[in-house]
Amino acid sequence: MIRGVLRRLMAGELTETEAEAELRSTQLVELAGAARLDLGRTERRGLPEVVLAEGKDPEAAAQLAVRLAQEQGQGLISRLSESHWAALEPLVEANGLELRRYHSAARILRPGEEPEPRGGRVALVTAGTSDLAVADEARMLVDACGLESRLVTDVGVAGLHRLLTPLSQLLAWDPDVFICAAGMDGVLPGVVAGLVPQPVIGLPVPTGYGAGGQGEAALMTMLQSCATGLLVVNVGNGVGAGAAAALIAARVGVERGLSQPARRPR
């Protein structure tokens, strides 16, 4: 985006005043006096902004996500309820945008717009199907950063034999980082971290029974794991896990010489 403005300035397509105005507009955009969109985050961090729908008015959340897509080519929104989906889908259609669904999260894209490939690979593993929505939130962010992702589900330690073949297949794909989502006792990330050479991000999920059943038990298990190299995000933080994995994988892609840090011309 910034490079695009500079190129147009050097080509004489913009005056200095116009270029300055465009650069300022890439930083913060105020919408309805209530929310500020950080349009410069991709340039600074290589990560897109994500609208958290939970706790927001459905129409307002939908407008924020659509505005991001209009300004940057894609807009991400997480933790959508049925009322949020009901507000988002017609607004996306009315603005001629494309909608990609990820369980309780979504990407809105301008037609034909995809992030620049960055050469990194992220493997995602879930202990059970109950963990899929949170893992898919992480996958949304990985995809939005132009990275490859592969997702394997339902390979938890209640049947440890289920993990071995899928894990071998993922290792043959040579991912740069793993995200492991698990609820209940949260053991799976520690097991994977003890078997693979890549960094592993533990993603505790708020599923379970009774005491610790809202993800506290899974979080504590992951934090207390004796497997080295296991990083842990907060309970249900799929966006955080996806962001951490994206930063790792994108840097590996740059080091391989496969890509450059993401930059999108305006």
C-alpha atoms as a PDB file:
ATOM      1  CA  MET A   1       0.000   0.000   0.000  1.00  0.00           C
ATOM      2  CA  ILE A   2       2.712   2.490   1.003  1.00  0.00           C
ATOM      3  CA  ARG A   3       4.927   1.439  -1.894  1.00  0.00           C
ATOM      4  CA  GLY A   4       2.003   1.859  -4.259  1.00  0.00           C
ATOM      5  CA  VAL A   5       1.474   5.446  -3.093  1.00  0.00           C
ATOM      6  CA  LEU A   6       5.191   6.196  -3.463  1.00  0.00           C
ATOM      7  CA  ARG A   7       5.266   4.750  -6.971  1.00  0.00           C
ATOM      8  CA  ARG A   8       2.318   6.891  -8.010  1.00  0.00           C
ATOM      9  CA  LEU A   9       3.947   9.955  -6.451  1.00  0.00           C
ATOM     10  CA  MET A  10       7.205   9.337  -8.362  1.00  0.00           C
ATOM     11  CA  ALA A  11       5.255   8.772 -11.574  1.00  0.00           C
ATOM     12  CA  GLY A  12       3.552  12.137 -11.160  1.00  0.00           C
ATOM     13  CA  GLU A  13       0.127  10.606 -10.679  1.00  0.00           C
ATOM     14  CA  LEU A  14      -0.213  12.184  -7.216  1.00  0.00           C
ATOM     15  CA  THR A  15       0.807  15.512  -5.752  1.00  0.00           C
ATOM     16  CA  GLU A  16       2.683  15.564  -2.440  1.00  0.00           C
ATOM     17  CA  THR A  17      -0.492  16.694  -0.698  1.00  0.00           C
ATOM     18  CA  GLU A  18      -2.529  13.870  -2.240  1.00  0.00           C
ATOM     19  CA  ALA A  19       0.134  11.287  -1.363  1.00  0.00           C
ATOM     20  CA  GLU A  20       0.254  12.526   2.233  1.00  0.00           C
ATOM     21  CA  ALA A  21      -3.537  12.270   2.493  1.00  0.00           C
ATOM     22  CA  GLU A  22      -3.527   8.698   1.175  1.00  0.00           C
ATOM     23  CA  LEU A  23      -0.759   7.639   3.548  1.00  0.00           C
ATOM     24  CA  ARG A  24      -2.627   9.106   6.493  1.00  0.00           C
ATOM     25  CA  SER A  25      -5.780   7.295   5.439  1.00  0.00           C
ATOM     26  CA  THR A  26      -3.975   3.947   5.613  1.00  0.00           C
ATOM     27  CA  GLN A  27      -3.413   4.294   9.346  1.00  0.00           C
ATOM     28  CA  LEU A  28      -6.694   4.876  11.161  1.00  0.00           C
ATOM     29  CA  VAL A  29     -10.201   5.130   9.763  1.00  0.00           C
ATOM     30  CA  GLU A  30     -13.026   6.237  12.033  1.00  0.00           C
ATOM     31  CA  LEU A  31     -16.421   4.719  11.358  1.00  0.00           C
ATOM     32  CA  ALA A  32     -19.590   6.164  12.918  1.00  0.00           C
ATOM     33  CA  GLY A  33     -17.524   7.738  15.692  1.00  0.00           C
ATOM     34  CA  ALA A  34     -17.360   4.439  17.575  1.00  0.00           C
ATOM     35  CA  ALA A  35     -14.624   2.262  16.091  1.00  0.00           C
ATOM     36  CA  ARG A  36     -11.219   2.897  14.567  1.00  0.00           C
ATOM     37  CA  LEU A  37      -9.913   0.554  11.894  1.00  0.00           C
ATOM     38  CA  ASP A  38      -6.153   0.124  11.829  1.00  0.00           C
ATOM     39  CA  LEU A  39      -5.474   0.022   8.092  1.00  0.00           C
ATOM     40  CA  GLY A  40      -1.712   0.259   8.561  1.00  0.00           C
ATOM     41  CA  ARG A  41      -1.354  -2.980  10.532  1.00  0.00           C
ATOM     42  CA  THR A  42      -0.470  -5.127   7.536  1.00  0.00           C
ATOM     43  CA  GLU A  43       2.361  -2.766   6.635  1.00  0.00           C
ATOM     44  CA  ARG A  44       3.718  -2.685  10.185  1.00  0.00           C
ATOM     45  CA  ARG A  45       3.196  -6.290  11.220  1.00  0.00           C
ATOM     46  CA  GLY A  46       2.388  -8.391   8.181  1.00  0.00           C
ATOM     47  CA  LEU A  47      -0.930  -9.215   9.874  1.00  0.00           C
ATOM     48  CA  PRO A  48      -4.408  -7.984   8.926  1.00  0.00           C
ATOM     49  CA  GLU A  49      -6.777  -6.446  11.439  1.00  0.00           C
ATOM     50  CA  VAL A  50      -9.577  -8.742  12.666  1.00  0.00           C
ATOM     51  CA  VAL A  51     -12.993  -7.494  13.773  1.00  0.00           C
ATOM     52  CA  LEU A  52     -14.225  -9.286  16.903  1.00  0.00           C
ATOM     53  CA  ALA A  53     -17.974  -9.633  16.366  1.00  0.00           C
ATOM     54  CA  GLU A  54     -18.699 -10.895  19.882  1.00  0.00           C
ATOM     55  CA  GLY A  55     -20.181  -8.094  21.978  1.00  0.00           C
ATOM     56  CA  LYS A  56     -20.736  -5.811  18.989  1.00  0.00           C
ATOM     57  CA  ASP A  57     -24.004  -4.796  17.373  1.00  0.00           C
ATOM     58  CA  PRO A  58     -24.421  -7.110  14.334  1.00  0.00           C
ATOM     59  CA  GLU A  59     -24.924  -4.281  11.828  1.00  0.00           C
ATOM     60  CA  ALA A  60     -21.956  -2.317  13.174  1.00  0.00           C
ATOM     61  CA  ALA A  61     -19.669  -5.356  13.113  1.00  0.00           C
ATOM     62  CA  ALA A  62     -20.706  -6.151   9.552  1.00  0.00           C
ATOM     63  CA  GLN A  63     -19.990  -2.591   8.438  1.00  0.00           C
ATOM     64  CA  LEU A  64     -16.518  -2.702   9.982  1.00  0.00           C
ATOM     65  CA  ALA A  65     -15.600  -5.956   8.227  1.00  0.00           C
ATOM     66  CA  VAL A  66     -16.955  -4.784   4.873  1.00  0.00           C
ATOM     67  CA  ARG A  67     -15.090  -1.486   5.201  1.00  0.00           C
ATOM     68  CA  LEU A  68     -11.853  -3.371   5.765  1.00  0.00           C
ATOM     69  CA  ALA A  69     -12.473  -5.423   2.629  1.00  0.00           C
ATOM     70  CA  GLN A  70     -13.198  -2.321   0.584  1.00  0.00           C
ATOM     71  CA  GLU A  71     -10.071  -0.537   1.819  1.00  0.00           C
ATOM     72  CA  GLN A  72      -7.582  -3.408   1.853  1.00  0.00           C
ATOM     73  CA  GLY A  73      -8.943  -6.134  -0.388  1.00  0.00           C
ATOM     74  CA  GLN A  74      -9.999  -8.398   2.468  1.00  0.00           C
ATOM     75  CA  GLY A  75     -11.696  -8.049   5.839  1.00  0.00           C
ATOM     76  CA  LEU A  76     -11.626 -10.602   8.652  1.00  0.00           C
ATOM     77  CA  ILE A  77     -14.252 -11.043  11.355  1.00  0.00           C
ATOM     78  CA  SER A  78     -14.369 -13.607  14.161  1.00  0.00           C
ATOM     79  CA  ARG A  79     -16.897 -15.085  16.628  1.00  0.00           C
ATOM     80  CA  LEU A  80     -19.989 -14.508  14.568  1.00  0.00           C
ATOM     81  CA  SER A  81     -23.351 -15.423  16.061  1.00  0.00           C
ATOM     82  CA  GLU A  82     -26.389 -16.215  13.918  1.00  0.00           C
ATOM     83  CA  SER A  83     -27.484 -12.572  14.178  1.00  0.00           C
ATOM     84  CA  HIS A  84     -24.044 -11.448  13.016  1.00  0.00           C
ATOM     85  CA  TRP A  85     -24.202 -13.776  10.006  1.00  0.00           C
ATOM     86  CA  ALA A  86     -27.679 -12.442   9.202  1.00  0.00           C
ATOM     87  CA  ALA A  87     -26.335  -8.876   9.114  1.00  0.00           C
ATOM     88  CA  LEU A  88     -23.088  -9.690   7.310  1.00  0.00           C
ATOM     89  CA  GLU A  89     -24.205 -11.842   4.386  1.00  0.00           C
ATOM     90  CA  PRO A  90     -26.604  -9.373   2.690  1.00  0.00           C
ATOM     91  CA  LEU A  91     -24.166  -6.484   3.216  1.00  0.00           C
ATOM     92  CA  VAL A  92     -21.356  -8.435   1.568  1.00  0.00           C
ATOM     93  CA  GLU A  93     -23.605  -9.292  -1.375  1.00  0.00           C
ATOM     94  CA  ALA A  94     -24.872  -5.714  -1.718  1.00  0.00           C
ATOM     95  CA  ASN A  95     -21.298  -4.441  -2.007  1.00  0.00           C
ATOM     96  CA  GLY A  96     -20.256  -6.994  -4.631  1.00  0.00           C
ATOM     97  CA  LEU A  97     -17.803  -8.767  -2.320  1.00  0.00           C
ATOM     98  CA  GLU A  98     -17.007 -12.440  -1.797  1.00  0.00           C
ATOM     99  CA  LEU A  99     -17.599 -14.283   1.489  1.00  0.00           C
ATOM    100  CA  ARG A 100     -15.430 -17.147   2.774  1.00  0.00           C
ATOM    101  CA  ARG A 101     -16.870 -18.929   5.804  1.00  0.00           C
ATOM    102  CA  TYR A 102     -14.724 -20.461   8.566  1.00  0.00           C
ATOM    103  CA  HIS A 103     -17.235 -21.886  11.048  1.00  0.00           C
ATOM    104  CA  SER A 104     -17.801 -18.880  13.354  1.00  0.00           C
ATOM    105  CA  ALA A 105     -15.388 -16.625  11.436  1.00  0.00           C
ATOM    106  CA  ALA A 106     -15.297 -15.139   7.937  1.00  0.00           C
ATOM    107  CA  ARG A 107     -13.119 -13.486   5.300  1.00  0.00           C
ATOM    108  CA  ILE A 108     -14.632 -10.882   3.000  1.00  0.00           C
ATOM    109  CA  LEU A 109     -12.727 -10.280  -0.237  1.00  0.00           C
ATOM    110  CA  ARG A 110     -12.971  -7.988  -3.199  1.00  0.00           C
ATOM    111  CA  PRO A 111     -13.618 -10.197  -6.271  1.00  0.00           C
ATOM    112  CA  GLY A 112     -10.380 -11.627  -7.601  1.00  0.00           C
ATOM    113  CA  GLU A 113      -8.387 -10.343  -4.642  1.00  0.00           C
ATOM    114  CA  GLU A 114      -6.077 -12.764  -2.846  1.00  0.00           C
ATOM    115  CA  PRO A 115      -3.096 -12.072  -0.588  1.00  0.00           C
ATOM    116  CA  GLU A 116       0.345 -12.398  -2.133  1.00  0.00           C
ATOM    117  CA  PRO A 117       1.781 -15.929  -1.545  1.00  0.00           C
ATOM    118  CA  ARG A 118       4.499 -15.799   1.095  1.00  0.00           C
ATOM    119  CA  GLY A 119       6.042 -19.242   0.920  1.00  0.00           C
ATOM    120  CA  GLY A 120       5.314 -20.415   4.494  1.00  0.00           C
ATOM    121  CA  ARG A 121       3.329 -23.444   5.648  1.00  0.00           C
ATOM    122  CA  VAL A 122       1.224 -23.925   8.782  1.00  0.00           C
ATOM    123  CA  ALA A 123      -0.102 -27.284   9.985  1.00  0.00           C
ATOM    124  CA  LEU A 124      -3.197 -27.288  12.198  1.00  0.00           C
ATOM    125  CA  VAL A 125      -4.214 -30.260  14.324  1.00  0.00           C
ATOM    126  CA  THR A 126      -7.285 -30.648  16.549  1.00  0.00           C
ATOM    127  CA  ALA A 127      -7.880 -33.184  19.294  1.00  0.00           C
ATOM    128  CA  GLY A 128     -11.602 -33.431  18.516  1.00  0.00           C
ATOM    129  CA  THR A 129     -14.262 -32.034  16.237  1.00  0.00           C
ATOM    130  CA  SER A 130     -15.384 -29.759  19.090  1.00  0.00           C
ATOM    131  CA  ASP A 131     -12.096 -27.902  18.673  1.00  0.00           C
ATOM    132  CA  LEU A 132     -12.619 -27.227  14.980  1.00  0.00           C
ATOM    133  CA  ALA A 133     -14.289 -23.808  15.222  1.00  0.00           C
ATOM    134  CA  VAL A 134     -11.393 -22.304  17.189  1.00  0.00           C
ATOM    135  CA  ALA A 135      -8.797 -23.960  14.941  1.00  0.00           C
ATOM    136  CA  ASP A 136     -10.615 -22.688  11.866  1.00  0.00           C
ATOM    137  CA  GLU A 137     -10.397 -19.155  13.245  1.00  0.00           C
ATOM    138  CA  ALA A 138      -6.618 -19.603  13.309  1.00  0.00           C
ATOM    139  CA  ARG A 139      -6.670 -21.036   9.780  1.00  0.00           C
ATOM    140  CA  MET A 140      -8.589 -17.986   8.556  1.00  0.00           C
ATOM    141  CA  LEU A 141      -5.774 -15.700   9.660  1.00  0.00           C
ATOM    142  CA  VAL A 142      -3.111 -17.978   8.177  1.00  0.00           C
ATOM    143  CA  ASP A 143      -4.911 -18.027   4.817  1.00  0.00           C
ATOM    144  CA  ALA A 144      -5.386 -14.262   4.916  1.00  0.00           C
ATOM    145  CA  CYS A 145      -1.620 -13.816   5.265  1.00  0.00           C
ATOM    146  CA  GLY A 146      -0.955 -15.678   2.012  1.00  0.00           C
ATOM    147  CA  LEU A 147       0.386 -18.809   3.695  1.00  0.00           C
ATOM    148  CA  GLU A 148      -0.400 -22.450   2.990  1.00  0.00           C
ATOM    149  CA  SER A 149      -2.349 -24.381   5.614  1.00  0.00           C
ATOM    150  CA  ARG A 150      -3.326 -27.990   6.191  1.00  0.00           C
ATOM    151  CA  LEU A 151      -5.840 -29.056   8.830  1.00  0.00           C
ATOM    152  CA  VAL A 152      -6.129 -32.489  10.464  1.00  0.00           C
ATOM    153  CA  THR A 153      -8.978 -33.074  12.922  1.00  0.00           C
ATOM    154  CA  ASP A 154     -10.055 -35.559  15.592  1.00  0.00           C
ATOM    155  CA  VAL A 155      -6.674 -37.070  16.478  1.00  0.00           C
ATOM    156  CA  GLY A 156      -6.736 -36.567  20.253  1.00  0.00           C
ATOM    157  CA  VAL A 157      -4.984 -38.692  22.847  1.00  0.00           C
ATOM    158  CA  ALA A 158      -8.123 -40.656  23.763  1.00  0.00           C
ATOM    159  CA  GLY A 159      -7.023 -42.766  20.778  1.00  0.00           C
ATOM    160  CA  LEU A 160      -3.345 -41.935  20.441  1.00  0.00           C
ATOM    161  CA  HIS A 161      -2.890 -44.318  17.495  1.00  0.00           C
ATOM    162  CA  ARG A 162      -5.083 -41.970  15.399  1.00  0.00           C
ATOM    163  CA  LEU A 163      -2.400 -39.278  15.523  1.00  0.00           C
ATOM    164  CA  LEU A 164       0.602 -41.131  14.119  1.00  0.00           C
ATOM    165  CA  THR A 165      -0.243 -41.494  10.426  1.00  0.00           C
ATOM    166  CA  PRO A 166      -1.700 -37.970   9.984  1.00  0.00           C
ATOM    167  CA  LEU A 167       1.277 -36.497  11.843  1.00  0.00           C
ATOM    168  CA  SER A 168       3.707 -38.375   9.600  1.00  0.00           C
ATOM    169  CA  GLN A 169       1.887 -37.039   6.552  1.00  0.00           C
ATOM    170  CA  LEU A 170       2.065 -33.483   7.880  1.00  0.00           C
ATOM    171  CA  LEU A 171       5.791 -33.850   8.584  1.00  0.00           C
ATOM    172  CA  ALA A 172       6.332 -35.034   5.009  1.00  0.00           C
ATOM    173  CA  TRP A 173       4.670 -31.799   3.870  1.00  0.00           C
ATOM    174  CA  ASP A 174       7.382 -29.980   5.881  1.00  0.00           C
ATOM    175  CA  PRO A 175       5.385 -27.286   7.693  1.00  0.00           C
ATOM    176  CA  ASP A 176       7.166 -24.407   9.390  1.00  0.00           C
ATOM    177  CA  VAL A 177       5.012 -24.415  12.526  1.00  0.00           C
ATOM    178  CA  PHE A 178       2.179 -26.409  14.112  1.00  0.00           C
ATOM    179  CA  ILE A 179      -0.987 -25.169  15.810  1.00  0.00           C
ATOM    180  CA  CYS A 180      -2.573 -27.785  18.078  1.00  0.00           C
ATOM    181  CA  ALA A 181      -6.078 -27.104  19.389  1.00  0.00           C
ATOM    182  CA  ALA A 182      -7.422 -29.165  22.279  1.00  0.00           C
ATOM    183  CA  GLY A 183     -10.010 -28.911  25.027  1.00  0.00           C
ATOM    184  CA  MET A 184     -10.736 -31.312  27.902  1.00  0.00           C
ATOM    185  CA  ASP A 185      -7.317 -32.176  29.415  1.00  0.00           C
ATOM    186  CA  GLY A 186      -5.422 -30.387  26.615  1.00  0.00           C
ATOM    187  CA  VAL A 187      -2.696 -33.022  26.255  1.00  0.00           C
ATOM    188  CA  LEU A 188      -2.356 -33.154  22.459  1.00  0.00           C
ATOM    189  CA  PRO A 189      -0.070 -30.094  21.951  1.00  0.00           C
ATOM    190  CA  GLY A 190       2.464 -31.470  24.431  1.00  0.00           C
ATOM    191  CA  VAL A 191       2.474 -34.838  22.672  1.00  0.00           C
ATOM    192  CA  VAL A 192       3.006 -33.231  19.271  1.00  0.00           C
ATOM    193  CA  ALA A 193       5.704 -30.907  20.638  1.00  0.00           C
ATOM    194  CA  GLY A 194       7.570 -33.976  21.871  1.00  0.00           C
ATOM    195  CA  LEU A 195       7.553 -35.559  18.404  1.00  0.00           C
ATOM    196  CA  VAL A 196       8.200 -32.824  15.842  1.00  0.00           C
ATOM    197  CA  PRO A 197      11.192 -30.505  15.254  1.00  0.00           C
ATOM    198  CA  GLN A 198       9.070 -27.445  14.458  1.00  0.00           C
ATOM    199  CA  PRO A 199       7.733 -24.937  16.997  1.00  0.00           C
ATOM    200  CA  VAL A 200       4.279 -25.871  18.278  1.00  0.00           C
ATOM    201  CA  ILE A 201       1.586 -23.414  19.367  1.00  0.00           C
ATOM    202  CA  GLY A 202      -0.876 -24.798  21.902  1.00  0.00           C
ATOM    203  CA  LEU A 203      -4.421 -23.516  21.486  1.00  0.00           C
ATOM    204  CA  PRO A 204      -6.634 -24.404  24.503  1.00  0.00           C
ATOM    205  CA  VAL A 205     -10.319 -24.733  23.678  1.00  0.00           C
ATOM    206  CA  PRO A 206     -13.183 -24.109  26.156  1.00  0.00           C
ATOM    207  CA  THR A 207     -14.687 -27.609  25.981  1.00  0.00           C
ATOM    208  CA  GLY A 208     -14.959 -30.128  28.800  1.00  0.00           C
ATOM    209  CA  TYR A 209     -16.884 -31.102  31.920  1.00  0.00           C
ATOM    210  CA  GLY A 210     -17.202 -29.581  35.373  1.00  0.00           C
ATOM    211  CA  ALA A 211     -14.134 -28.016  37.004  1.00  0.00           C
ATOM    212  CA  GLY A 212     -11.815 -26.687  34.328  1.00  0.00           C
ATOM    213  CA  GLY A 213     -14.371 -27.385  31.636  1.00  0.00           C
ATOM    214  CA  GLN A 214     -14.174 -23.891  30.137  1.00  0.00           C
ATOM    215  CA  GLY A 215     -10.609 -24.380  28.950  1.00  0.00           C
ATOM    216  CA  GLU A 216      -8.804 -23.719  32.241  1.00  0.00           C
ATOM    217  CA  ALA A 217      -7.667 -27.342  32.528  1.00  0.00           C
ATOM    218  CA  ALA A 218      -6.417 -27.419  28.943  1.00  0.00           C
ATOM    219  CA  LEU A 219      -4.564 -24.134  29.442  1.00  0.00           C
ATOM    220  CA  MET A 220      -2.837 -25.319  32.615  1.00  0.00           C
ATOM    221  CA  THR A 221      -1.860 -28.640  31.033  1.00  0.00           C
ATOM    222  CA  MET A 222      -0.255 -26.857  28.086  1.00  0.00           C
ATOM    223  CA  LEU A 223       1.542 -24.357  30.328  1.00  0.00           C
ATOM    224  CA  GLN A 224       2.853 -27.215  32.503  1.00  0.00           C
ATOM    225  CA  SER A 225       3.917 -29.416  29.581  1.00  0.00           C
ATOM    226  CA  CYS A 226       7.364 -30.980  29.879  1.00  0.00           C
ATOM    227  CA  ALA A 227       7.730 -30.856  26.072  1.00  0.00           C
ATOM    228  CA  THR A 228      10.125 -28.057  25.132  1.00  0.00           C
ATOM    229  CA  GLY A 229       9.309 -25.600  22.367  1.00  0.00           C
ATOM    230  CA  LEU A 230       5.593 -25.492  23.156  1.00  0.00           C
ATOM    231  CA  LEU A 231       4.144 -21.967  23.035  1.00  0.00           C
ATOM    232  CA  VAL A 232       0.649 -21.366  24.433  1.00  0.00           C
ATOM    233  CA  VAL A 233      -2.018 -18.744  23.709  1.00  0.00           C
ATOM    234  CA  ASN A 234      -5.038 -17.949  25.847  1.00  0.00           C
ATOM    235  CA  VAL A 235      -8.224 -20.028  25.919  1.00  0.00           C
ATOM    236  CA  GLY A 236     -10.078 -19.899  22.608  1.00  0.00           C
ATOM    237  CA  ASN A 237      -7.645 -17.398  21.073  1.00  0.00           C
ATOM    238  CA  GLY A 238      -7.644 -18.744  17.524  1.00  0.00           C
ATOM    239  CA  VAL A 239      -6.739 -15.333  16.126  1.00  0.00           C
ATOM    240  CA  GLY A 240      -3.711 -15.122  18.415  1.00  0.00           C
ATOM    241  CA  ALA A 241      -2.541 -18.618  17.492  1.00  0.00           C
ATOM    242  CA  GLY A 242      -3.013 -17.921  13.795  1.00  0.00           C
ATOM    243  CA  ALA A 243      -1.145 -14.615  14.062  1.00  0.00           C
ATOM    244  CA  ALA A 244       1.827 -16.176  15.871  1.00  0.00           C
ATOM    245  CA  ALA A 245       2.000 -19.032  13.359  1.00  0.00           C
ATOM    246  CA  ALA A 246       1.735 -16.614  10.441  1.00  0.00           C
ATOM    247  CA  LEU A 247       4.635 -14.502  11.715  1.00  0.00           C
ATOM    248  CA  ILE A 248       6.821 -17.587  12.129  1.00  0.00           C
ATOM    249  CA  ALA A 249       5.932 -19.159   8.783  1.00  0.00           C
ATOM    250  CA  ALA A 250       6.202 -15.901   6.838  1.00  0.00           C
ATOM    251  CA  ARG A 251       9.682 -15.265   8.238  1.00  0.00           C
ATOM    252  CA  VAL A 252      10.771 -18.763   7.244  1.00  0.00           C
ATOM    253  CA  GLY A 253       9.462 -18.081   3.737  1.00  0.00           C
ATOM    254  CA  VAL A 254      11.560 -14.914   3.538  1.00  0.00           C
ATOM    255  CA  GLU A 255      14.667 -16.705   4.789  1.00  0.00           C
ATOM    256  CA  ARG A 256      14.218 -19.392   2.146  1.00  0.00           C
ATOM    257  CA  GLY A 257      14.098 -16.634  -0.451  1.00  0.00           C
ATOM    258  CA  LEU A 258      10.649 -17.756  -1.518  1.00  0.00           C
ATOM    259  CA  SER A 259       8.922 -14.474  -0.817  1.00  0.00           C
ATOM    260  CA  GLN A 260       9.177 -10.984   0.560  1.00  0.00           C
ATOM    261  CA  PRO A 261       7.179  -9.586   3.477  1.00  0.00           C
ATOM    262  CA  ALA A 262       3.636  -8.941   2.301  1.00  0.00           C
ATOM    263  CA  ARG A 263       3.000  -5.590   0.673  1.00  0.00           C
ATOM    264  CA  ARG A 264      -0.195  -4.727  -1.163  1.00  0.00           C
ATOM    265  CA  PRO A 265      -0.207  -1.886  -3.721  1.00  0.00           C
ATOM    266  CA  ARG A 266      -3.060   0.495  -3.204  1.00  0.00           C
END
